[in-house]
C-alpha atoms as a PDB file:
ATOM      1  CA  UNK A   1      -6.241 -32.525 -10.151  1.00  0.00           C
ATOM      2  CA  UNK A   2      -7.164 -28.794  -9.984  1.00  0.00           C
ATOM      3  CA  UNK A   3      -4.116 -26.874 -10.220  1.00  0.00           C
ATOM      4  CA  UNK A   4      -3.317 -25.043  -6.811  1.00  0.00           C
ATOM      5  CA  UNK A   5      -4.373 -21.209  -7.397  1.00  0.00           C
ATOM      6  CA  UNK A   6      -0.715 -19.573  -6.591  1.00  0.00           C
ATOM      7  CA  UNK A   7      -1.911 -15.833  -4.313  1.00  0.00           C
ATOM      8  CA  UNK A   8       1.938 -15.025  -1.578  1.00  0.00           C
ATOM      9  CA  UNK A   9       3.167 -12.316  -1.393  1.00  0.00           C
ATOM     10  CA  UNK A  10       5.198 -12.505  -4.839  1.00  0.00           C
ATOM     11  CA  UNK A  11       3.234 -13.908  -6.476  1.00  0.00           C
ATOM     12  CA  UNK A  12       0.672 -10.491  -5.910  1.00  0.00           C
ATOM     13  CA  UNK A  13       4.266  -8.291  -6.824  1.00  0.00           C
ATOM     14  CA  UNK A  14       4.167  -9.224  -9.990  1.00  0.00           C
ATOM     15  CA  UNK A  15       0.713  -9.879 -11.006  1.00  0.00           C
ATOM     16  CA  UNK A  16       0.464  -6.094  -9.502  1.00  0.00           C
ATOM     17  CA  UNK A  17       3.994  -4.947 -12.121  1.00  0.00           C
ATOM     18  CA  UNK A  18       2.000  -6.403 -15.073  1.00  0.00           C
ATOM     19  CA  UNK A  19      -1.672  -4.397 -14.589  1.00  0.00           C
ATOM     20  CA  UNK A  20       1.031  -1.026 -14.320  1.00  0.00           C
ATOM     21  CA  UNK A  21       3.037  -2.123 -17.512  1.00  0.00           C
ATOM     22  CA  UNK A  22      -0.292  -2.349 -19.138  1.00  0.00           C
ATOM     23  CA  UNK A  23      -1.774   0.360 -17.542  1.00  0.00           C
ATOM     24  CA  UNK A  24       1.019   2.203 -19.185  1.00  0.00           C
ATOM     25  CA  UNK A  25       1.389   0.650 -22.240  1.00  0.00           C
ATOM     26  CA  UNK A  26      -2.649   1.677 -22.937  1.00  0.00           C
ATOM     27  CA  UNK A  27      -1.963   4.936 -21.823  1.00  0.00           C
ATOM     28  CA  UNK A  28       0.266   6.012 -24.044  1.00  0.00           C
ATOM     29  CA  UNK A  29      -0.465   4.172 -26.493  1.00  0.00           C
ATOM     30  CA  UNK A  30      -3.952   3.913 -26.847  1.00  0.00           C
ATOM     31  CA  UNK A  31      -4.267   7.203 -25.352  1.00  0.00           C
ATOM     32  CA  UNK A  32      -6.869   6.171 -22.833  1.00  0.00           C
ATOM     33  CA  UNK A  33      -7.683   6.348 -19.288  1.00  0.00           C
ATOM     34  CA  UNK A  34      -9.546   3.888 -17.955  1.00  0.00           C
ATOM     35  CA  UNK A  35      -7.945   0.105 -20.181  1.00  0.00           C
ATOM     36  CA  UNK A  36      -9.309  -0.753 -24.194  1.00  0.00           C
ATOM     37  CA  UNK A  37     -10.503  -3.682 -24.343  1.00  0.00           C
ATOM     38  CA  UNK A  38      -7.813  -5.189 -26.061  1.00  0.00           C
ATOM     39  CA  UNK A  39      -5.361  -3.945 -23.021  1.00  0.00           C
ATOM     40  CA  UNK A  40      -8.090  -5.657 -20.701  1.00  0.00           C
ATOM     41  CA  UNK A  41      -7.872  -8.822 -21.709  1.00  0.00           C
ATOM     42  CA  UNK A  42      -4.238  -9.177 -21.838  1.00  0.00           C
ATOM     43  CA  UNK A  43      -4.355  -7.992 -18.520  1.00  0.00           C
ATOM     44  CA  UNK A  44      -6.902 -10.689 -17.453  1.00  0.00           C
ATOM     45  CA  UNK A  45      -4.490 -13.558 -18.567  1.00  0.00           C
ATOM     46  CA  UNK A  46      -1.638 -12.323 -17.447  1.00  0.00           C
ATOM     47  CA  UNK A  47      -3.269 -12.420 -13.850  1.00  0.00           C
ATOM     48  CA  UNK A  48      -4.668 -15.767 -14.417  1.00  0.00           C
ATOM     49  CA  UNK A  49      -1.726 -17.175 -16.377  1.00  0.00           C
ATOM     50  CA  UNK A  50       0.614 -15.823 -12.853  1.00  0.00           C
ATOM     51  CA  UNK A  51      -2.123 -16.911 -10.094  1.00  0.00           C
ATOM     52  CA  UNK A  52      -1.065 -21.013 -11.981  1.00  0.00           C
ATOM     53  CA  UNK A  53       2.795 -20.261 -12.279  1.00  0.00           C
ATOM     54  CA  UNK A  54       3.948 -23.506 -11.439  1.00  0.00           C
ATOM     55  CA  UNK A  55       7.132 -21.982  -9.909  1.00  0.00           C
ATOM     56  CA  UNK A  56       4.484 -19.464  -7.514  1.00  0.00           C
ATOM     57  CA  UNK A  57       6.490 -18.028  -4.379  1.00  0.00           C
ATOM     58  CA  UNK A  58       9.653 -19.332  -5.786  1.00  0.00           C
ATOM     59  CA  UNK A  59       9.432 -17.949  -9.146  1.00  0.00           C
ATOM     60  CA  UNK A  60      11.565 -15.670 -11.568  1.00  0.00           C
ATOM     61  CA  UNK A  61      10.775 -13.578 -13.920  1.00  0.00           C
ATOM     62  CA  UNK A  62       8.902 -14.313 -16.720  1.00  0.00           C
ATOM     63  CA  UNK A  63      11.493 -13.597 -19.719  1.00  0.00           C
ATOM     64  CA  UNK A  64      13.969 -16.027 -17.870  1.00  0.00           C
ATOM     65  CA  UNK A  65      11.440 -19.059 -17.498  1.00  0.00           C
ATOM     66  CA  UNK A  66      11.673 -21.797 -20.028  1.00  0.00           C
ATOM     67  CA  UNK A  67       7.384 -22.543 -19.730  1.00  0.00           C
ATOM     68  CA  UNK A  68       5.726 -20.570 -21.932  1.00  0.00           C
ATOM     69  CA  UNK A  69       2.666 -21.036 -19.884  1.00  0.00           C
ATOM     70  CA  UNK A  70       0.725 -18.002 -22.826  1.00  0.00           C
ATOM     71  CA  UNK A  71      -0.325 -18.905 -25.727  1.00  0.00           C
ATOM     72  CA  UNK A  72       1.507 -17.004 -28.548  1.00  0.00           C
ATOM     73  CA  UNK A  73      -0.855 -14.681 -29.971  1.00  0.00           C
ATOM     74  CA  UNK A  74      -1.247 -13.497 -26.088  1.00  0.00           C
ATOM     75  CA  UNK A  75       2.975 -14.143 -25.526  1.00  0.00           C
ATOM     76  CA  UNK A  76       3.524 -11.184 -28.584  1.00  0.00           C
ATOM     77  CA  UNK A  77       1.064  -9.299 -26.579  1.00  0.00           C
ATOM     78  CA  UNK A  78       2.740  -9.131 -23.500  1.00  0.00           C
ATOM     79  CA  UNK A  79       6.922  -9.272 -24.930  1.00  0.00           C
ATOM     80  CA  UNK A  80       5.445  -5.361 -26.580  1.00  0.00           C
ATOM     81  CA  UNK A  81       3.493  -5.031 -23.641  1.00  0.00           C
ATOM     82  CA  UNK A  82       6.345  -4.755 -21.466  1.00  0.00           C
ATOM     83  CA  UNK A  83       9.372  -3.594 -24.115  1.00  0.00           C
ATOM     84  CA  UNK A  84       7.388  -0.908 -24.247  1.00  0.00           C
ATOM     85  CA  UNK A  85       6.534   0.168 -20.941  1.00  0.00           C
ATOM     86  CA  UNK A  86       9.629  -0.977 -19.446  1.00  0.00           C
ATOM     87  CA  UNK A  87      11.082   2.426 -19.725  1.00  0.00           C
ATOM     88  CA  UNK A  88       8.456   4.183 -18.106  1.00  0.00           C
ATOM     89  CA  UNK A  89       8.132   2.011 -15.331  1.00  0.00           C
ATOM     90  CA  UNK A  90      12.215   3.642 -14.259  1.00  0.00           C
ATOM     91  CA  UNK A  91      10.324   6.431 -14.486  1.00  0.00           C
ATOM     92  CA  UNK A  92       6.858   5.741 -13.170  1.00  0.00           C
ATOM     93  CA  UNK A  93       7.709   3.007 -11.295  1.00  0.00           C
ATOM     94  CA  UNK A  94      10.886   2.911 -10.049  1.00  0.00           C
ATOM     95  CA  UNK A  95      11.253   0.147  -7.330  1.00  0.00           C
ATOM     96  CA  UNK A  96       8.521  -1.954  -9.255  1.00  0.00           C
ATOM     97  CA  UNK A  97      11.599  -1.566 -12.118  1.00  0.00           C
ATOM     98  CA  UNK A  98      15.117  -1.885  -9.736  1.00  0.00           C
ATOM     99  CA  UNK A  99      12.687  -5.083  -8.381  1.00  0.00           C
ATOM    100  CA  UNK A 100      11.585  -7.108 -11.528  1.00  0.00           C
ATOM    101  CA  UNK A 101      15.793  -6.476 -12.355  1.00  0.00           C
ATOM    102  CA  UNK A 102      17.571  -8.049  -9.711  1.00  0.00           C
ATOM    103  CA  UNK A 103      15.017 -10.750 -10.473  1.00  0.00           C
ATOM    104  CA  UNK A 104      16.351 -11.242 -13.235  1.00  0.00           C
ATOM    105  CA  UNK A 105      20.182 -10.396 -12.295  1.00  0.00           C
ATOM    106  CA  UNK A 106      19.275 -12.657  -9.934  1.00  0.00           C
ATOM    107  CA  UNK A 107      17.848 -15.706 -12.027  1.00  0.00           C
ATOM    108  CA  UNK A 108      20.573 -15.349 -14.088  1.00  0.00           C
ATOM    109  CA  UNK A 109      23.647 -15.859 -12.167  1.00  0.00           C
ATOM    110  CA  UNK A 110      21.606 -19.048 -10.576  1.00  0.00           C
ATOM    111  CA  UNK A 111      21.552 -20.547 -13.671  1.00  0.00           C
ATOM    112  CA  UNK A 112      25.626 -19.470 -14.829  1.00  0.00           C
ATOM    113  CA  UNK A 113      26.037 -21.913 -11.101  1.00  0.00           C
END
């Protein structure tokens, strides 16, 4: 049975956030206006994995997730991108940053209860 593709507002917001983060990373690290092939590949992979997230609209921050959806090489790449881009997101896209931080805090609080 094929898995359901998630395309609700939470998933779309997560996809938009990851696109912005990869864009920042590629512009600043690879000095490109458009994504280089490696970053484009990572973006395609991340968007596909988000669309098949087993938690769907109930997903929290991926960094708090117990399920590892990404293959190891992509997990390393996305962690590098997120570590680098996170600080830039506060300057370039503050709303996305605040939303992400609130999700992480909510997930941590929920796990403690």
